Amino acid sequence: ILETRKGERYNNPNFGSDVTRRAFEPNDYVLKTTLKYDVTEALDRWEKRITLDDVSVLNYEDDPRIPEDLILIIVSFTVNSTHQQGSYVYPFALSGMPIDEIINKGI
């Protein structure tokens, strides 16, 4: 859902999110707020198997161990069928750099 751009899916142009469109934005508060909105909106709309509990967006300002060209999106959720809580960390790479290059830089 998060990797699929809106308009990319045949016969369902509204499916997906705007997350990947943000890859070249400045790594600041505005981007963090926008990503949180994009992720929340997409998962609330398209992922009916879970209930979102929280979406947190962290960058180097929040934790100096995070490289400047990486944002961590932490999705906390509850699985509707089992009521089991879980979380998923979505590593969002800025500037189009491959994620393995960013991770090798220092996390």
N, C-alpha and C. Protein backbone atom coordinates (compact mmCIF):
# COMPACT_ATOMS: atom_id res chain seq x y z
N ILE A 1 0.84 -1.20 0.00
CA ILE A 1 0.00 0.00 0.00
C ILE A 1 0.87 1.25 0.00
N LEU A 2 1.90 1.29 0.86
CA LEU A 2 2.73 2.48 0.98
C LEU A 2 3.65 2.67 -0.22
N GLU A 3 4.07 1.60 -0.85
CA GLU A 3 4.97 1.69 -2.00
C GLU A 3 4.24 1.95 -3.31
N THR A 4 2.94 1.74 -3.34
CA THR A 4 2.16 1.94 -4.57
C THR A 4 1.72 3.39 -4.65
N ARG A 5 2.09 4.05 -5.73
CA ARG A 5 1.67 5.44 -5.93
C ARG A 5 0.21 5.49 -6.37
N LYS A 6 -0.50 6.50 -5.90
CA LYS A 6 -1.87 6.70 -6.37
C LYS A 6 -1.82 6.88 -7.88
N GLY A 7 -2.75 6.23 -8.57
CA GLY A 7 -2.79 6.31 -10.02
C GLY A 7 -2.01 5.22 -10.71
N GLU A 8 -1.24 4.44 -9.97
CA GLU A 8 -0.38 3.41 -10.55
C GLU A 8 -1.12 2.09 -10.79
N ARG A 9 -2.15 1.83 -10.03
CA ARG A 9 -2.85 0.55 -10.13
C ARG A 9 -3.99 0.63 -11.15
N TYR A 10 -3.93 -0.25 -12.11
CA TYR A 10 -4.93 -0.31 -13.17
C TYR A 10 -6.30 -0.64 -12.57
N ASN A 11 -7.33 0.04 -13.01
CA ASN A 11 -8.71 -0.14 -12.56
C ASN A 11 -8.98 0.33 -11.14
N ASN A 12 -7.98 0.85 -10.45
CA ASN A 12 -8.19 1.40 -9.12
C ASN A 12 -7.18 2.53 -8.89
N PRO A 13 -7.37 3.66 -9.57
CA PRO A 13 -6.38 4.73 -9.52
C PRO A 13 -6.25 5.42 -8.16
N ASN A 14 -7.19 5.21 -7.26
CA ASN A 14 -7.10 5.82 -5.93
C ASN A 14 -6.33 4.97 -4.93
N PHE A 15 -6.03 3.71 -5.29
CA PHE A 15 -5.31 2.82 -4.39
C PHE A 15 -3.87 3.29 -4.21
N GLY A 16 -3.35 3.16 -3.00
CA GLY A 16 -1.96 3.47 -2.73
C GLY A 16 -1.82 4.68 -1.83
N SER A 17 -0.65 5.29 -1.90
CA SER A 17 -0.36 6.45 -1.05
C SER A 17 0.54 7.44 -1.80
N ASP A 18 0.75 8.58 -1.18
CA ASP A 18 1.65 9.59 -1.74
C ASP A 18 3.03 9.55 -1.10
N VAL A 19 3.32 8.51 -0.33
CA VAL A 19 4.59 8.43 0.40
C VAL A 19 5.80 8.52 -0.53
N THR A 20 5.83 7.73 -1.59
CA THR A 20 7.01 7.71 -2.45
C THR A 20 7.22 9.02 -3.21
N ARG A 21 6.19 9.84 -3.31
CA ARG A 21 6.32 11.15 -3.97
C ARG A 21 7.13 12.13 -3.12
N ARG A 22 7.42 11.79 -1.90
CA ARG A 22 8.10 12.70 -0.96
C ARG A 22 9.61 12.49 -0.91
N ALA A 23 10.15 11.63 -1.74
CA ALA A 23 11.56 11.25 -1.65
C ALA A 23 12.55 12.40 -1.82
N PHE A 24 12.15 13.48 -2.46
CA PHE A 24 13.09 14.57 -2.71
C PHE A 24 12.75 15.82 -1.91
N GLU A 25 11.88 15.68 -0.91
CA GLU A 25 11.51 16.81 -0.05
C GLU A 25 12.58 17.04 1.02
N PRO A 26 12.69 18.26 1.54
CA PRO A 26 13.63 18.50 2.64
C PRO A 26 13.24 17.70 3.87
N ASN A 27 14.23 17.19 4.58
CA ASN A 27 14.01 16.39 5.78
C ASN A 27 13.74 17.31 6.96
N ASP A 28 12.49 17.74 7.11
CA ASP A 28 12.13 18.69 8.16
C ASP A 28 10.78 18.33 8.77
N TYR A 29 10.30 19.19 9.64
CA TYR A 29 9.04 18.97 10.34
C TYR A 29 7.86 18.84 9.37
N VAL A 30 7.87 19.64 8.32
CA VAL A 30 6.78 19.60 7.34
C VAL A 30 6.73 18.22 6.69
N LEU A 31 7.87 17.68 6.30
CA LEU A 31 7.91 16.35 5.69
C LEU A 31 7.43 15.29 6.68
N LYS A 32 7.88 15.36 7.91
CA LYS A 32 7.46 14.38 8.92
C LYS A 32 5.94 14.41 9.11
N THR A 33 5.37 15.60 9.17
CA THR A 33 3.92 15.74 9.34
C THR A 33 3.18 15.21 8.12
N THR A 34 3.68 15.52 6.94
CA THR A 34 3.06 15.07 5.69
C THR A 34 3.12 13.55 5.57
N LEU A 35 4.27 12.95 5.89
CA LEU A 35 4.39 11.49 5.83
C LEU A 35 3.44 10.82 6.82
N LYS A 36 3.33 11.38 8.00
CA LYS A 36 2.40 10.80 8.99
C LYS A 36 0.98 10.82 8.44
N TYR A 37 0.59 11.93 7.84
CA TYR A 37 -0.75 12.02 7.23
C TYR A 37 -0.91 11.01 6.09
N ASP A 38 0.08 10.94 5.19
CA ASP A 38 0.00 10.04 4.04
C ASP A 38 -0.15 8.58 4.48
N VAL A 39 0.66 8.17 5.45
CA VAL A 39 0.62 6.78 5.92
C VAL A 39 -0.71 6.50 6.61
N THR A 40 -1.14 7.40 7.48
CA THR A 40 -2.40 7.20 8.20
C THR A 40 -3.57 7.12 7.24
N GLU A 41 -3.63 8.03 6.30
CA GLU A 41 -4.74 8.07 5.34
C GLU A 41 -4.77 6.80 4.50
N ALA A 42 -3.63 6.36 4.00
CA ALA A 42 -3.58 5.19 3.13
C ALA A 42 -3.94 3.91 3.89
N LEU A 43 -3.37 3.72 5.06
CA LEU A 43 -3.65 2.49 5.80
C LEU A 43 -5.08 2.46 6.35
N ASP A 44 -5.58 3.59 6.80
CA ASP A 44 -6.98 3.64 7.26
C ASP A 44 -7.93 3.30 6.12
N ARG A 45 -7.60 3.76 4.94
CA ARG A 45 -8.50 3.53 3.80
C ARG A 45 -8.39 2.14 3.20
N TRP A 46 -7.16 1.62 3.08
CA TRP A 46 -6.96 0.41 2.29
C TRP A 46 -6.64 -0.85 3.08
N GLU A 47 -6.21 -0.75 4.31
CA GLU A 47 -5.84 -1.95 5.06
C GLU A 47 -6.88 -2.23 6.14
N LYS A 48 -7.90 -2.98 5.76
CA LYS A 48 -9.04 -3.24 6.65
C LYS A 48 -8.76 -4.33 7.68
N ARG A 49 -7.63 -5.03 7.56
CA ARG A 49 -7.33 -6.09 8.51
C ARG A 49 -6.79 -5.57 9.83
N ILE A 50 -6.42 -4.29 9.86
CA ILE A 50 -5.84 -3.72 11.08
C ILE A 50 -6.56 -2.44 11.49
N THR A 51 -6.37 -2.08 12.74
CA THR A 51 -6.76 -0.77 13.24
C THR A 51 -5.47 -0.06 13.63
N LEU A 52 -5.25 1.13 13.09
CA LEU A 52 -4.04 1.88 13.43
C LEU A 52 -4.13 2.39 14.86
N ASP A 53 -3.07 2.18 15.62
CA ASP A 53 -2.98 2.72 16.97
C ASP A 53 -2.17 4.01 16.98
N ASP A 54 -1.09 4.03 16.17
CA ASP A 54 -0.24 5.21 16.14
C ASP A 54 0.68 5.14 14.92
N VAL A 55 1.03 6.30 14.40
CA VAL A 55 2.06 6.42 13.37
C VAL A 55 3.06 7.46 13.87
N SER A 56 4.32 7.03 14.03
CA SER A 56 5.39 7.93 14.48
C SER A 56 6.39 8.08 13.34
N VAL A 57 6.91 9.28 13.20
CA VAL A 57 7.89 9.55 12.15
C VAL A 57 9.12 10.15 12.81
N LEU A 58 10.27 9.46 12.64
CA LEU A 58 11.51 9.87 13.29
C LEU A 58 12.58 10.17 12.26
N ASN A 59 13.36 11.22 12.51
CA ASN A 59 14.52 11.51 11.68
C ASN A 59 15.72 11.80 12.56
N TYR A 60 16.79 12.30 11.97
CA TYR A 60 18.03 12.54 12.70
C TYR A 60 17.88 13.54 13.85
N GLU A 61 16.88 14.42 13.76
CA GLU A 61 16.65 15.37 14.86
C GLU A 61 16.12 14.65 16.10
N ASP A 62 15.41 13.55 15.89
CA ASP A 62 14.87 12.77 17.00
C ASP A 62 15.88 11.79 17.58
N ASP A 63 16.76 11.29 16.74
CA ASP A 63 17.77 10.31 17.15
C ASP A 63 19.00 10.50 16.27
N PRO A 64 20.10 10.94 16.84
CA PRO A 64 21.30 11.22 16.03
C PRO A 64 21.91 9.99 15.36
N ARG A 65 21.47 8.80 15.75
CA ARG A 65 21.97 7.58 15.08
C ARG A 65 21.32 7.37 13.72
N ILE A 66 20.22 8.06 13.44
CA ILE A 66 19.53 7.94 12.16
C ILE A 66 20.24 8.83 11.14
N PRO A 67 20.69 8.28 10.00
CA PRO A 67 21.33 9.10 8.98
C PRO A 67 20.40 10.21 8.48
N GLU A 68 20.98 11.31 8.01
CA GLU A 68 20.19 12.47 7.59
C GLU A 68 19.31 12.19 6.38
N ASP A 69 19.63 11.16 5.60
CA ASP A 69 18.82 10.85 4.42
C ASP A 69 17.90 9.65 4.64
N LEU A 70 17.53 9.42 5.91
CA LEU A 70 16.62 8.33 6.25
C LEU A 70 15.58 8.82 7.25
N ILE A 71 14.36 8.41 7.04
CA ILE A 71 13.28 8.67 7.99
C ILE A 71 12.67 7.32 8.34
N LEU A 72 12.45 7.09 9.63
CA LEU A 72 11.81 5.86 10.07
C LEU A 72 10.36 6.14 10.38
N ILE A 73 9.47 5.42 9.73
CA ILE A 73 8.04 5.54 9.96
C ILE A 73 7.62 4.31 10.74
N ILE A 74 7.17 4.51 11.97
CA ILE A 74 6.81 3.40 12.85
C ILE A 74 5.29 3.33 12.94
N VAL A 75 4.74 2.23 12.45
CA VAL A 75 3.29 2.02 12.42
C VAL A 75 2.94 1.02 13.53
N SER A 76 2.15 1.46 14.50
CA SER A 76 1.65 0.58 15.55
C SER A 76 0.19 0.28 15.24
N PHE A 77 -0.18 -1.00 15.37
CA PHE A 77 -1.51 -1.41 14.94
C PHE A 77 -2.03 -2.56 15.79
N THR A 78 -3.31 -2.84 15.63
CA THR A 78 -3.95 -4.00 16.23
C THR A 78 -4.60 -4.80 15.11
N VAL A 79 -4.33 -6.10 15.07
CA VAL A 79 -4.95 -6.97 14.08
C VAL A 79 -6.40 -7.19 14.50
N ASN A 80 -7.33 -6.87 13.63
CA ASN A 80 -8.75 -6.92 13.98
C ASN A 80 -9.25 -8.32 14.33
N SER A 81 -8.78 -9.33 13.63
CA SER A 81 -9.31 -10.68 13.84
C SER A 81 -8.81 -11.32 15.14
N THR A 82 -7.62 -10.93 15.60
CA THR A 82 -7.03 -11.57 16.78
C THR A 82 -6.82 -10.61 17.95
N HIS A 83 -6.98 -9.33 17.70
CA HIS A 83 -6.74 -8.28 18.70
C HIS A 83 -5.27 -8.24 19.16
N GLN A 84 -4.40 -8.83 18.37
CA GLN A 84 -2.98 -8.83 18.68
C GLN A 84 -2.37 -7.51 18.23
N GLN A 85 -1.55 -6.91 19.09
CA GLN A 85 -0.89 -5.66 18.74
C GLN A 85 0.44 -5.96 18.07
N GLY A 86 0.82 -5.06 17.17
CA GLY A 86 2.08 -5.21 16.47
C GLY A 86 2.59 -3.87 16.00
N SER A 87 3.78 -3.89 15.42
CA SER A 87 4.34 -2.67 14.86
C SER A 87 5.19 -3.02 13.65
N TYR A 88 5.37 -2.03 12.82
CA TYR A 88 6.15 -2.19 11.60
C TYR A 88 6.97 -0.91 11.41
N VAL A 89 8.26 -1.07 11.14
CA VAL A 89 9.11 0.09 10.86
C VAL A 89 9.34 0.14 9.35
N TYR A 90 8.89 1.24 8.76
CA TYR A 90 9.04 1.46 7.33
C TYR A 90 10.20 2.44 7.13
N PRO A 91 11.34 1.97 6.61
CA PRO A 91 12.46 2.88 6.38
C PRO A 91 12.25 3.66 5.09
N PHE A 92 12.17 4.96 5.20
CA PHE A 92 11.91 5.82 4.05
C PHE A 92 13.20 6.55 3.68
N ALA A 93 13.73 6.24 2.50
CA ALA A 93 14.99 6.82 2.04
C ALA A 93 14.72 8.10 1.25
N LEU A 94 15.40 9.16 1.63
CA LEU A 94 15.29 10.43 0.92
C LEU A 94 16.29 10.47 -0.23
N SER A 95 16.08 11.37 -1.15
CA SER A 95 16.98 11.64 -2.28
C SER A 95 17.12 10.45 -3.22
N GLY A 96 16.23 9.48 -3.12
CA GLY A 96 16.27 8.36 -4.03
C GLY A 96 17.42 7.41 -3.81
N MET A 97 18.16 7.54 -2.71
CA MET A 97 19.28 6.65 -2.44
C MET A 97 18.76 5.27 -2.03
N PRO A 98 19.35 4.19 -2.55
CA PRO A 98 18.92 2.85 -2.14
C PRO A 98 19.06 2.66 -0.63
N ILE A 99 18.09 2.01 -0.03
CA ILE A 99 18.06 1.85 1.41
C ILE A 99 19.29 1.10 1.95
N ASP A 100 19.82 0.14 1.21
CA ASP A 100 20.99 -0.59 1.71
C ASP A 100 22.22 0.31 1.81
N GLU A 101 22.35 1.32 0.93
CA GLU A 101 23.45 2.26 1.04
C GLU A 101 23.31 3.15 2.28
N ILE A 102 22.08 3.54 2.59
CA ILE A 102 21.85 4.37 3.76
C ILE A 102 22.12 3.58 5.02
N ILE A 103 21.64 2.35 5.09
CA ILE A 103 21.85 1.53 6.29
C ILE A 103 23.33 1.26 6.50
N ASN A 104 24.07 1.03 5.42
CA ASN A 104 25.50 0.78 5.55
C ASN A 104 26.27 2.02 6.03
N LYS A 105 25.62 3.20 5.94
CA LYS A 105 26.29 4.42 6.39
C LYS A 105 26.33 4.56 7.91
N GLY A 106 25.46 3.79 8.61
CA GLY A 106 25.64 3.95 10.03
C GLY A 106 24.55 3.63 11.00
N ILE A 107 23.48 2.99 10.65
CA ILE A 107 22.52 2.64 11.71
C ILE A 107 23.00 1.38 12.39
